[in-house]
PDB file of N, CA and C in Angstrom:
ATOM      1  N   MET A   1      -4.506 -12.238   7.053  1.00  0.00           N
ATOM      2  CA  MET A   1      -5.732 -12.007   7.772  1.00  0.00           C
ATOM      3  C   MET A   1      -6.572 -13.283   7.707  1.00  0.00           C
ATOM      4  N   LEU A   2      -6.965 -13.745   8.831  1.00  0.00           N
ATOM      5  CA  LEU A   2      -7.819 -14.908   8.849  1.00  0.00           C
ATOM      6  C   LEU A   2      -9.262 -14.465   8.709  1.00  0.00           C
ATOM      7  N   SER A   3      -9.927 -15.056   7.761  1.00  0.00           N
ATOM      8  CA  SER A   3     -11.321 -14.688   7.579  1.00  0.00           C
ATOM      9  C   SER A   3     -12.045 -15.822   6.884  1.00  0.00           C
ATOM     10  N   GLU A   4     -13.339 -15.713   6.884  1.00  0.00           N
ATOM     11  CA  GLU A   4     -14.151 -16.691   6.186  1.00  0.00           C
ATOM     12  C   GLU A   4     -14.607 -16.139   4.846  1.00  0.00           C
ATOM     13  N   LYS A   5     -13.971 -15.094   4.416  1.00  0.00           N
ATOM     14  CA  LYS A   5     -14.319 -14.469   3.152  1.00  0.00           C
ATOM     15  C   LYS A   5     -13.758 -15.286   2.006  1.00  0.00           C
ATOM     16  N   GLY A   6     -14.277 -15.016   0.836  1.00  0.00           N
ATOM     17  CA  GLY A   6     -13.762 -15.667  -0.355  1.00  0.00           C
ATOM     18  C   GLY A   6     -12.396 -15.123  -0.722  1.00  0.00           C
ATOM     19  N   LYS A   7     -11.804 -15.752  -1.701  1.00  0.00           N
ATOM     20  CA  LYS A   7     -10.464 -15.401  -2.145  1.00  0.00           C
ATOM     21  C   LYS A   7     -10.359 -13.927  -2.558  1.00  0.00           C
ATOM     22  N   TYR A   8     -11.306 -13.454  -3.330  1.00  0.00           N
ATOM     23  CA  TYR A   8     -11.238 -12.086  -3.837  1.00  0.00           C
ATOM     24  C   TYR A   8     -11.522 -11.059  -2.746  1.00  0.00           C
ATOM     25  N   ALA A   9     -12.432 -11.368  -1.854  1.00  0.00           N
ATOM     26  CA  ALA A   9     -12.722 -10.457  -0.739  1.00  0.00           C
ATOM     27  C   ALA A   9     -11.517 -10.355   0.184  1.00  0.00           C
ATOM     28  N   SER A  10     -10.850 -11.446   0.419  1.00  0.00           N
ATOM     29  CA  SER A  10      -9.648 -11.427   1.259  1.00  0.00           C
ATOM     30  C   SER A  10      -8.539 -10.622   0.598  1.00  0.00           C
ATOM     31  N   ALA A  11      -8.395 -10.763  -0.714  1.00  0.00           N
ATOM     32  CA  ALA A  11      -7.375 -10.003  -1.439  1.00  0.00           C
ATOM     33  C   ALA A  11      -7.656  -8.506  -1.320  1.00  0.00           C
ATOM     34  N   THR A  12      -8.916  -8.123  -1.461  1.00  0.00           N
ATOM     35  CA  THR A  12      -9.293  -6.721  -1.341  1.00  0.00           C
ATOM     36  C   THR A  12      -9.032  -6.218   0.071  1.00  0.00           C
ATOM     37  N   GLN A  13      -9.360  -7.020   1.052  1.00  0.00           N
ATOM     38  CA  GLN A  13      -9.139  -6.646   2.449  1.00  0.00           C
ATOM     39  C   GLN A  13      -7.646  -6.447   2.723  1.00  0.00           C
ATOM     40  N   ASN A  14      -6.818  -7.358   2.230  1.00  0.00           N
ATOM     41  CA  ASN A  14      -5.367  -7.231   2.406  1.00  0.00           C
ATOM     42  C   ASN A  14      -4.842  -5.980   1.714  1.00  0.00           C
ATOM     43  N   ARG A  15      -5.316  -5.757   0.501  1.00  0.00           N
ATOM     44  CA  ARG A  15      -4.879  -4.606  -0.284  1.00  0.00           C
ATOM     45  C   ARG A  15      -5.229  -3.298   0.437  1.00  0.00           C
ATOM     46  N   ARG A  16      -6.463  -3.195   0.896  1.00  0.00           N
ATOM     47  CA  ARG A  16      -6.898  -1.991   1.610  1.00  0.00           C
ATOM     48  C   ARG A  16      -6.092  -1.774   2.892  1.00  0.00           C
ATOM     49  N   PHE A  17      -5.871  -2.848   3.627  1.00  0.00           N
ATOM     50  CA  PHE A  17      -5.126  -2.750   4.882  1.00  0.00           C
ATOM     51  C   PHE A  17      -3.688  -2.302   4.636  1.00  0.00           C
ATOM     52  N   VAL A  18      -3.029  -2.906   3.666  1.00  0.00           N
ATOM     53  CA  VAL A  18      -1.631  -2.557   3.373  1.00  0.00           C
ATOM     54  C   VAL A  18      -1.535  -1.113   2.904  1.00  0.00           C
ATOM     55  N   TRP A  19      -2.501  -0.661   2.098  1.00  0.00           N
ATOM     56  CA  TRP A  19      -2.486   0.727   1.652  1.00  0.00           C
ATOM     57  C   TRP A  19      -2.646   1.673   2.850  1.00  0.00           C
ATOM     58  N   LYS A  20      -3.620   1.377   3.690  1.00  0.00           N
ATOM     59  CA  LYS A  20      -3.947   2.268   4.811  1.00  0.00           C
ATOM     60  C   LYS A  20      -2.882   2.281   5.909  1.00  0.00           C
ATOM     61  N   GLU A  21      -2.358   1.120   6.244  1.00  0.00           N
ATOM     62  CA  GLU A  21      -1.471   1.008   7.404  1.00  0.00           C
ATOM     63  C   GLU A  21       0.017   0.993   7.083  1.00  0.00           C
ATOM     64  N   VAL A  22       0.368   0.623   5.860  1.00  0.00           N
ATOM     65  CA  VAL A  22       1.789   0.496   5.539  1.00  0.00           C
ATOM     66  C   VAL A  22       2.210   1.495   4.457  1.00  0.00           C
ATOM     67  N   VAL A  23       1.626   1.384   3.281  1.00  0.00           N
ATOM     68  CA  VAL A  23       2.127   2.139   2.135  1.00  0.00           C
ATOM     69  C   VAL A  23       1.900   3.645   2.265  1.00  0.00           C
ATOM     70  N   TRP A  24       0.652   4.067   2.462  1.00  0.00           N
ATOM     71  CA  TRP A  24       0.417   5.510   2.509  1.00  0.00           C
ATOM     72  C   TRP A  24       1.125   6.193   3.683  1.00  0.00           C
ATOM     73  N   PRO A  25       1.096   5.622   4.893  1.00  0.00           N
ATOM     74  CA  PRO A  25       1.877   6.240   5.978  1.00  0.00           C
ATOM     75  C   PRO A  25       3.383   6.303   5.656  1.00  0.00           C
ATOM     76  N   LEU A  26       3.885   5.280   4.974  1.00  0.00           N
ATOM     77  CA  LEU A  26       5.304   5.275   4.591  1.00  0.00           C
ATOM     78  C   LEU A  26       5.594   6.382   3.579  1.00  0.00           C
ATOM     79  N   ILE A  27       4.714   6.561   2.610  1.00  0.00           N
ATOM     80  CA  ILE A  27       4.878   7.631   1.615  1.00  0.00           C
ATOM     81  C   ILE A  27       4.929   8.990   2.318  1.00  0.00           C
ATOM     82  N   LEU A  28       4.015   9.202   3.246  1.00  0.00           N
ATOM     83  CA  LEU A  28       3.996  10.477   3.968  1.00  0.00           C
ATOM     84  C   LEU A  28       5.238  10.638   4.853  1.00  0.00           C
ATOM     85  N   GLU A  29       5.695   9.535   5.411  1.00  0.00           N
ATOM     86  CA  GLU A  29       6.871   9.555   6.284  1.00  0.00           C
ATOM     87  C   GLU A  29       8.135   9.932   5.509  1.00  0.00           C
ATOM     88  N   VAL A  30       8.338   9.313   4.360  1.00  0.00           N
ATOM     89  CA  VAL A  30       9.546   9.594   3.570  1.00  0.00           C
ATOM     90  C   VAL A  30       9.381  10.857   2.724  1.00  0.00           C
ATOM     91  N   ASN A  31       8.144  11.333   2.593  1.00  0.00           N
ATOM     92  CA  ASN A  31       7.818  12.542   1.827  1.00  0.00           C
ATOM     93  C   ASN A  31       8.371  12.467   0.406  1.00  0.00           C
ATOM     94  N   ASP A  32       8.135  11.313  -0.209  1.00  0.00           N
ATOM     95  CA  ASP A  32       8.606  11.085  -1.570  1.00  0.00           C
ATOM     96  C   ASP A  32       7.670  10.077  -2.229  1.00  0.00           C
ATOM     97  N   ALA A  33       7.592  10.128  -3.542  1.00  0.00           N
ATOM     98  CA  ALA A  33       6.740   9.199  -4.283  1.00  0.00           C
ATOM     99  C   ALA A  33       7.398   7.832  -4.419  1.00  0.00           C
ATOM    100  N   GLU A  34       8.582   7.695  -3.892  1.00  0.00           N
ATOM    101  CA  GLU A  34       9.349   6.451  -3.995  1.00  0.00           C
ATOM    102  C   GLU A  34       9.770   5.984  -2.607  1.00  0.00           C
ATOM    103  N   PHE A  35       9.765   4.669  -2.419  1.00  0.00           N
ATOM    104  CA  PHE A  35      10.329   4.102  -1.198  1.00  0.00           C
ATOM    105  C   PHE A  35      11.053   2.819  -1.555  1.00  0.00           C
ATOM    106  N   SER A  36      12.027   2.484  -0.733  1.00  0.00           N
ATOM    107  CA  SER A  36      12.851   1.305  -1.011  1.00  0.00           C
ATOM    108  C   SER A  36      12.231   0.046  -0.406  1.00  0.00           C
ATOM    109  N   LEU A  37      12.716  -1.072  -0.868  1.00  0.00           N
ATOM    110  CA  LEU A  37      12.284  -2.351  -0.315  1.00  0.00           C
ATOM    111  C   LEU A  37      12.607  -2.418   1.172  1.00  0.00           C
ATOM    112  N   ASP A  38      13.765  -1.935   1.562  1.00  0.00           N
ATOM    113  CA  ASP A  38      14.151  -1.943   2.984  1.00  0.00           C
ATOM    114  C   ASP A  38      13.207  -1.091   3.833  1.00  0.00           C
ATOM    115  N   GLN A  39      12.846   0.088   3.320  1.00  0.00           N
ATOM    116  CA  GLN A  39      11.906   0.951   4.043  1.00  0.00           C
ATOM    117  C   GLN A  39      10.554   0.262   4.187  1.00  0.00           C
ATOM    118  N   TYR A  40      10.102  -0.379   3.114  1.00  0.00           N
ATOM    119  CA  TYR A  40       8.826  -1.090   3.163  1.00  0.00           C
ATOM    120  C   TYR A  40       8.884  -2.214   4.192  1.00  0.00           C
ATOM    121  N   GLN A  41       9.945  -3.007   4.154  1.00  0.00           N
ATOM    122  CA  GLN A  41      10.049  -4.149   5.057  1.00  0.00           C
ATOM    123  C   GLN A  41      10.076  -3.707   6.522  1.00  0.00           C
ATOM    124  N   LYS A  42      10.742  -2.616   6.802  1.00  0.00           N
ATOM    125  CA  LYS A  42      10.782  -2.105   8.175  1.00  0.00           C
ATOM    126  C   LYS A  42       9.374  -1.710   8.634  1.00  0.00           C
ATOM    127  N   LYS A  43       8.656  -0.980   7.798  1.00  0.00           N
ATOM    128  CA  LYS A  43       7.292  -0.544   8.128  1.00  0.00           C
ATOM    129  C   LYS A  43       6.362  -1.753   8.221  1.00  0.00           C
ATOM    130  N   ARG A  44       6.506  -2.685   7.288  1.00  0.00           N
ATOM    131  CA  ARG A  44       5.685  -3.897   7.271  1.00  0.00           C
ATOM    132  C   ARG A  44       5.868  -4.698   8.556  1.00  0.00           C
ATOM    133  N   ASP A  45       7.103  -4.852   8.978  1.00  0.00           N
ATOM    134  CA  ASP A  45       7.379  -5.609  10.201  1.00  0.00           C
ATOM    135  C   ASP A  45       6.789  -4.916  11.426  1.00  0.00           C
ATOM    136  N   GLU A  46       6.861  -3.593  11.443  1.00  0.00           N
ATOM    137  CA  GLU A  46       6.287  -2.811  12.534  1.00  0.00           C
ATOM    138  C   GLU A  46       4.769  -3.024  12.612  1.00  0.00           C
ATOM    139  N   ILE A  47       4.098  -2.942  11.483  1.00  0.00           N
ATOM    140  CA  ILE A  47       2.646  -3.115  11.436  1.00  0.00           C
ATOM    141  C   ILE A  47       2.271  -4.569  11.706  1.00  0.00           C
ATOM    142  N   SER A  48       3.069  -5.488  11.206  1.00  0.00           N
ATOM    143  CA  SER A  48       2.820  -6.913  11.426  1.00  0.00           C
ATOM    144  C   SER A  48       2.813  -7.240  12.916  1.00  0.00           C
ATOM    145  N   SER A  49       3.794  -6.716  13.640  1.00  0.00           N
ATOM    146  CA  SER A  49       3.844  -7.009  15.071  1.00  0.00           C
ATOM    147  C   SER A  49       2.765  -6.234  15.837  1.00  0.00           C
ATOM    148  N   LYS A  50       2.448  -5.023  15.382  1.00  0.00           N
ATOM    149  CA  LYS A  50       1.423  -4.213  16.044  1.00  0.00           C
ATOM    150  C   LYS A  50       0.048  -4.876  15.970  1.00  0.00           C
ATOM    151  N   TYR A  51      -0.292  -5.438  14.813  1.00  0.00           N
ATOM    152  CA  TYR A  51      -1.612  -6.027  14.618  1.00  0.00           C
ATOM    153  C   TYR A  51      -1.621  -7.552  14.687  1.00  0.00           C
ATOM    154  N   GLY A  52      -0.450  -8.159  14.888  1.00  0.00           N
ATOM    155  CA  GLY A  52      -0.374  -9.613  14.976  1.00  0.00           C
ATOM    156  C   GLY A  52      -0.721 -10.309  13.671  1.00  0.00           C
ATOM    157  N   MET A  53      -0.370  -9.686  12.572  1.00  0.00           N
ATOM    158  CA  MET A  53      -0.666 -10.247  11.256  1.00  0.00           C
ATOM    159  C   MET A  53       0.571 -10.922  10.687  1.00  0.00           C
ATOM    160  N   SER A  54       0.339 -11.839   9.778  1.00  0.00           N
ATOM    161  CA  SER A  54       1.473 -12.498   9.137  1.00  0.00           C
ATOM    162  C   SER A  54       2.080 -11.579   8.089  1.00  0.00           C
ATOM    163  N   VAL A  55       3.377 -11.688   7.939  1.00  0.00           N
ATOM    164  CA  VAL A  55       4.098 -10.921   6.930  1.00  0.00           C
ATOM    165  C   VAL A  55       3.612 -11.347   5.542  1.00  0.00           C
ATOM    166  N   ASN A  56       3.238 -12.615   5.395  1.00  0.00           N
ATOM    167  CA  ASN A  56       2.763 -13.110   4.097  1.00  0.00           C
ATOM    168  C   ASN A  56       1.495 -12.390   3.650  1.00  0.00           C
ATOM    169  N   ALA A  57       0.573 -12.166   4.557  1.00  0.00           N
ATOM    170  CA  ALA A  57      -0.670 -11.469   4.206  1.00  0.00           C
ATOM    171  C   ALA A  57      -0.363 -10.052   3.743  1.00  0.00           C
ATOM    172  N   LEU A  58       0.559  -9.397   4.419  1.00  0.00           N
ATOM    173  CA  LEU A  58       0.933  -8.043   4.031  1.00  0.00           C
ATOM    174  C   LEU A  58       1.665  -8.031   2.696  1.00  0.00           C
ATOM    175  N   SER A  59       2.475  -9.040   2.443  1.00  0.00           N
ATOM    176  CA  SER A  59       3.178  -9.133   1.165  1.00  0.00           C
ATOM    177  C   SER A  59       2.212  -9.368   0.016  1.00  0.00           C
ATOM    178  N   ARG A  60       1.206 -10.178   0.264  1.00  0.00           N
ATOM    179  CA  ARG A  60       0.181 -10.391  -0.769  1.00  0.00           C
ATOM    180  C   ARG A  60      -0.561  -9.088  -1.053  1.00  0.00           C
ATOM    181  N   GLY A  61      -0.807  -8.303  -0.018  1.00  0.00           N
ATOM    182  CA  GLY A  61      -1.459  -7.016  -0.194  1.00  0.00           C
ATOM    183  C   GLY A  61      -0.623  -6.070  -1.045  1.00  0.00           C
ATOM    184  N   LEU A  62       0.681  -6.065  -0.833  1.00  0.00           N
ATOM    185  CA  LEU A  62       1.574  -5.224  -1.628  1.00  0.00           C
ATOM    186  C   LEU A  62       1.565  -5.663  -3.088  1.00  0.00           C
ATOM    187  N   SER A  63       1.650  -6.949  -3.322  1.00  0.00           N
ATOM    188  CA  SER A  63       1.605  -7.467  -4.689  1.00  0.00           C
ATOM    189  C   SER A  63       0.307  -7.090  -5.379  1.00  0.00           C
ATOM    190  N   SER A  64      -0.764  -7.139  -4.638  1.00  0.00           N
ATOM    191  CA  SER A  64      -2.070  -6.794  -5.168  1.00  0.00           C
ATOM    192  C   SER A  64      -2.155  -5.310  -5.533  1.00  0.00           C
ATOM    193  N   LEU A  65      -1.519  -4.450  -4.741  1.00  0.00           N
ATOM    194  CA  LEU A  65      -1.482  -3.017  -5.047  1.00  0.00           C
ATOM    195  C   LEU A  65      -0.720  -2.761  -6.344  1.00  0.00           C
ATOM    196  N   ILE A  66       0.317  -3.540  -6.569  1.00  0.00           N
ATOM    197  CA  ILE A  66       1.076  -3.424  -7.814  1.00  0.00           C
ATOM    198  C   ILE A  66       0.207  -3.864  -8.988  1.00  0.00           C
ATOM    199  N   GLN A  67      -0.511  -4.967  -8.825  1.00  0.00           N
ATOM    200  CA  GLN A  67      -1.393  -5.454  -9.893  1.00  0.00           C
ATOM    201  C   GLN A  67      -2.494  -4.450 -10.223  1.00  0.00           C
ATOM    202  N   ARG A  68      -2.985  -3.744  -9.241  1.00  0.00           N
ATOM    203  CA  ARG A  68      -4.039  -2.742  -9.442  1.00  0.00           C
ATOM    204  C   ARG A  68      -3.519  -1.460 -10.074  1.00  0.00           C
ATOM    205  N   GLY A  69      -2.204  -1.262 -10.042  1.00  0.00           N
ATOM    206  CA  GLY A  69      -1.620  -0.077 -10.656  1.00  0.00           C
ATOM    207  C   GLY A  69      -1.423   1.094  -9.715  1.00  0.00           C
ATOM    208  N   LEU A  70      -1.656   0.885  -8.421  1.00  0.00           N
ATOM    209  CA  LEU A  70      -1.414   1.958  -7.461  1.00  0.00           C
ATOM    210  C   LEU A  70       0.077   2.146  -7.204  1.00  0.00           C
ATOM    211  N   LEU A  71       0.816   1.063  -7.340  1.00  0.00           N
ATOM    212  CA  LEU A  71       2.260   1.082  -7.146  1.00  0.00           C
ATOM    213  C   LEU A  71       2.944   0.476  -8.358  1.00  0.00           C
ATOM    214  N   TYR A  72       4.169   0.928  -8.583  1.00  0.00           N
ATOM    215  CA  TYR A  72       5.019   0.354  -9.614  1.00  0.00           C
ATOM    216  C   TYR A  72       6.314  -0.063  -8.962  1.00  0.00           C
ATOM    217  N   LYS A  73       6.853  -1.185  -9.401  1.00  0.00           N
ATOM    218  CA  LYS A  73       8.113  -1.664  -8.841  1.00  0.00           C
ATOM    219  C   LYS A  73       9.190  -1.567  -9.907  1.00  0.00           C
ATOM    220  N   GLU A  74      10.331  -1.034  -9.496  1.00  0.00           N
ATOM    221  CA  GLU A  74      11.476  -0.940 -10.380  1.00  0.00           C
ATOM    222  C   GLU A  74      12.716  -1.281  -9.573  1.00  0.00           C
ATOM    223  N   LYS A  75      13.330  -2.405  -9.874  1.00  0.00           N
ATOM    224  CA  LYS A  75      14.480  -2.931  -9.135  1.00  0.00           C
ATOM    225  C   LYS A  75      14.129  -3.071  -7.659  1.00  0.00           C
ATOM    226  N   GLN A  76      14.777  -2.311  -6.787  1.00  0.00           N
ATOM    227  CA  GLN A  76      14.536  -2.417  -5.347  1.00  0.00           C
ATOM    228  C   GLN A  76      13.694  -1.263  -4.809  1.00  0.00           C
ATOM    229  N   SER A  77      12.977  -0.573  -5.705  1.00  0.00           N
ATOM    230  CA  SER A  77      12.169   0.577  -5.296  1.00  0.00           C
ATOM    231  C   SER A  77      10.724   0.433  -5.752  1.00  0.00           C
ATOM    232  N   TYR A  78       9.845   1.075  -5.007  1.00  0.00           N
ATOM    233  CA  TYR A  78       8.427   1.131  -5.341  1.00  0.00           C
ATOM    234  C   TYR A  78       8.052   2.597  -5.516  1.00  0.00           C
ATOM    235  N   PHE A  79       7.147   2.857  -6.464  1.00  0.00           N
ATOM    236  CA  PHE A  79       6.696   4.209  -6.760  1.00  0.00           C
ATOM    237  C   PHE A  79       5.179   4.242  -6.731  1.00  0.00           C
ATOM    238  N   ILE A  80       4.612   5.333  -6.206  1.00  0.00           N
ATOM    239  CA  ILE A  80       3.163   5.485  -6.278  1.00  0.00           C
ATOM    240  C   ILE A  80       2.808   6.009  -7.666  1.00  0.00           C
ATOM    241  N   HIS A  81       1.561   5.810  -8.055  1.00  0.00           N
ATOM    242  CA  HIS A  81       1.067   6.314  -9.331  1.00  0.00           C
ATOM    243  C   HIS A  81       1.212   7.838  -9.339  1.00  0.00           C
ATOM    244  N   PHE A  82       1.587   8.398 -10.489  1.00  0.00           N
ATOM    245  CA  PHE A  82       1.862   9.841 -10.557  1.00  0.00           C
ATOM    246  C   PHE A  82       0.657  10.704 -10.198  1.00  0.00           C
ATOM    247  N   ARG A  83      -0.551  10.189 -10.367  1.00  0.00           N
ATOM    248  CA  ARG A  83      -1.733  10.984 -10.028  1.00  0.00           C
ATOM    249  C   ARG A  83      -1.964  11.095  -8.519  1.00  0.00           C
ATOM    250  N   LEU A  84      -1.208  10.342  -7.749  1.00  0.00           N
ATOM    251  CA  LEU A  84      -1.334  10.406  -6.290  1.00  0.00           C
ATOM    252  C   LEU A  84      -0.313  11.360  -5.664  1.00  0.00           C
ATOM    253  N   ILE A  85       0.607  11.851  -6.465  1.00  0.00           N
ATOM    254  CA  ILE A  85       1.649  12.737  -5.949  1.00  0.00           C
ATOM    255  C   ILE A  85       1.078  14.016  -5.333  1.00  0.00           C
ATOM    256  N   PRO A  86       0.039  14.643  -5.924  1.00  0.00           N
ATOM    257  CA  PRO A  86      -0.517  15.839  -5.254  1.00  0.00           C
ATOM    258  C   PRO A  86      -1.023  15.565  -3.835  1.00  0.00           C
ATOM    259  N   TYR A  87      -1.591  14.396  -3.594  1.00  0.00           N
ATOM    260  CA  TYR A  87      -2.036  14.028  -2.244  1.00  0.00           C
ATOM    261  C   TYR A  87      -0.830  13.942  -1.304  1.00  0.00           C
ATOM    262  N   MET A  88       0.258  13.374  -1.817  1.00  0.00           N
ATOM    263  CA  MET A  88       1.464  13.245  -1.013  1.00  0.00           C
ATOM    264  C   MET A  88       2.023  14.623  -0.665  1.00  0.00           C
ATOM    265  N   ARG A  89       2.061  15.507  -1.651  1.00  0.00           N
ATOM    266  CA  ARG A  89       2.607  16.850  -1.415  1.00  0.00           C
ATOM    267  C   ARG A  89       1.798  17.633  -0.398  1.00  0.00           C
ATOM    268  N   LEU A  90       0.481  17.417  -0.407  1.00  0.00           N
ATOM    269  CA  LEU A  90      -0.394  18.088   0.553  1.00  0.00           C
ATOM    270  C   LEU A  90      -0.442  17.368   1.903  1.00  0.00           C
ATOM    271  N   LYS A  91       0.210  16.197   1.961  1.00  0.00           N
ATOM    272  CA  LYS A  91       0.162  15.337   3.148  1.00  0.00           C
ATOM    273  C   LYS A  91      -1.288  15.005   3.515  1.00  0.00           C
ATOM    274  N   ALA A  92      -2.083  14.821   2.483  1.00  0.00           N
ATOM    275  CA  ALA A  92      -3.506  14.536   2.652  1.00  0.00           C
ATOM    276  C   ALA A  92      -3.721  13.050   2.918  1.00  0.00           C
ATOM    277  N   ASP A  93      -4.809  12.767   3.588  1.00  0.00           N
ATOM    278  CA  ASP A  93      -5.208  11.380   3.787  1.00  0.00           C
ATOM    279  C   ASP A  93      -5.745  10.870   2.452  1.00  0.00           C
ATOM    280  N   CYS A  94      -5.155   9.829   1.954  1.00  0.00           N
ATOM    281  CA  CYS A  94      -5.573   9.261   0.676  1.00  0.00           C
ATOM    282  C   CYS A  94      -5.917   7.796   0.917  1.00  0.00           C
ATOM    283  N   ASP A  95      -7.193   7.536   1.160  1.00  0.00           N
ATOM    284  CA  ASP A  95      -7.575   6.151   1.413  1.00  0.00           C
ATOM    285  C   ASP A  95      -7.569   5.355   0.112  1.00  0.00           C
ATOM    286  N   TYR A  96      -7.736   4.060   0.238  1.00  0.00           N
ATOM    287  CA  TYR A  96      -7.651   3.165  -0.910  1.00  0.00           C
ATOM    288  C   TYR A  96      -8.675   3.528  -1.986  1.00  0.00           C
ATOM    289  N   ALA A  97      -9.906   3.806  -1.592  1.00  0.00           N
ATOM    290  CA  ALA A  97     -10.958   4.121  -2.559  1.00  0.00           C
ATOM    291  C   ALA A  97     -10.622   5.392  -3.336  1.00  0.00           C
ATOM    292  N   THR A  98     -10.126   6.397  -2.654  1.00  0.00           N
ATOM    293  CA  THR A  98      -9.742   7.649  -3.310  1.00  0.00           C
ATOM    294  C   THR A  98      -8.595   7.408  -4.284  1.00  0.00           C
ATOM    295  N   ALA A  99      -7.598   6.659  -3.833  1.00  0.00           N
ATOM    296  CA  ALA A  99      -6.444   6.367  -4.681  1.00  0.00           C
ATOM    297  C   ALA A  99      -6.874   5.618  -5.941  1.00  0.00           C
ATOM    298  N   LEU A 100      -7.709   4.627  -5.778  1.00  0.00           N
ATOM    299  CA  LEU A 100      -8.176   3.842  -6.920  1.00  0.00           C
ATOM    300  C   LEU A 100      -8.994   4.720  -7.865  1.00  0.00           C
ATOM    301  N   HIS A 101      -9.837   5.561  -7.311  1.00  0.00           N
ATOM    302  CA  HIS A 101     -10.640   6.469  -8.115  1.00  0.00           C
ATOM    303  C   HIS A 101      -9.745   7.415  -8.927  1.00  0.00           C
ATOM    304  N   GLU A 102      -8.731   7.951  -8.305  1.00  0.00           N
ATOM    305  CA  GLU A 102      -7.825   8.885  -8.977  1.00  0.00           C
ATOM    306  C   GLU A 102      -7.111   8.253 -10.160  1.00  0.00           C
ATOM    307  N   ILE A 103      -6.663   7.037 -10.014  1.00  0.00           N
ATOM    308  CA  ILE A 103      -5.890   6.436 -11.115  1.00  0.00           C
ATOM    309  C   ILE A 103      -6.786   5.858 -12.204  1.00  0.00           C
ATOM    310  N   LYS A 104      -8.032   5.556 -11.894  1.00  0.00           N
ATOM    311  CA  LYS A 104      -8.912   4.930 -12.879  1.00  0.00           C
ATOM    312  C   LYS A 104      -9.761   5.925 -13.655  1.00  0.00           C
ATOM    313  N   ILE A 105     -10.220   6.989 -13.034  1.00  0.00           N
ATOM    314  CA  ILE A 105     -11.216   7.872 -13.625  1.00  0.00           C
ATOM    315  C   ILE A 105     -10.604   8.898 -14.570  1.00  0.00           C
ATOM    316  N   ARG A 106      -9.541   9.490 -14.190  1.00  0.00           N
ATOM    317  CA  ARG A 106      -8.988  10.590 -14.991  1.00  0.00           C
ATOM    318  C   ARG A 106      -8.498  10.157 -16.334  1.00  0.00           C
TER     319      ARG A 106
END
């Protein structure tokens, strides 16, 4: 994402965008708390071309989600935090702020 924001604001923007447009829709699509690297890359490429964004910006957003603890990576798979599984089961909209609140507060 091209912006005049600072480094941290851009990281937050990328993280929020990747959660909203790539990760959470993918979780709901596969209906599982886990998705593969291939599934992520397919969704990422779709969103990248739809919004004209660089794949690098989306990849940085994914890495940032892992650093925040919303996602965990194990070999070639990614997992959402266990406290987000009820949202997935209900097929509820779980925006970035809600997800972060769920994993930090409880």
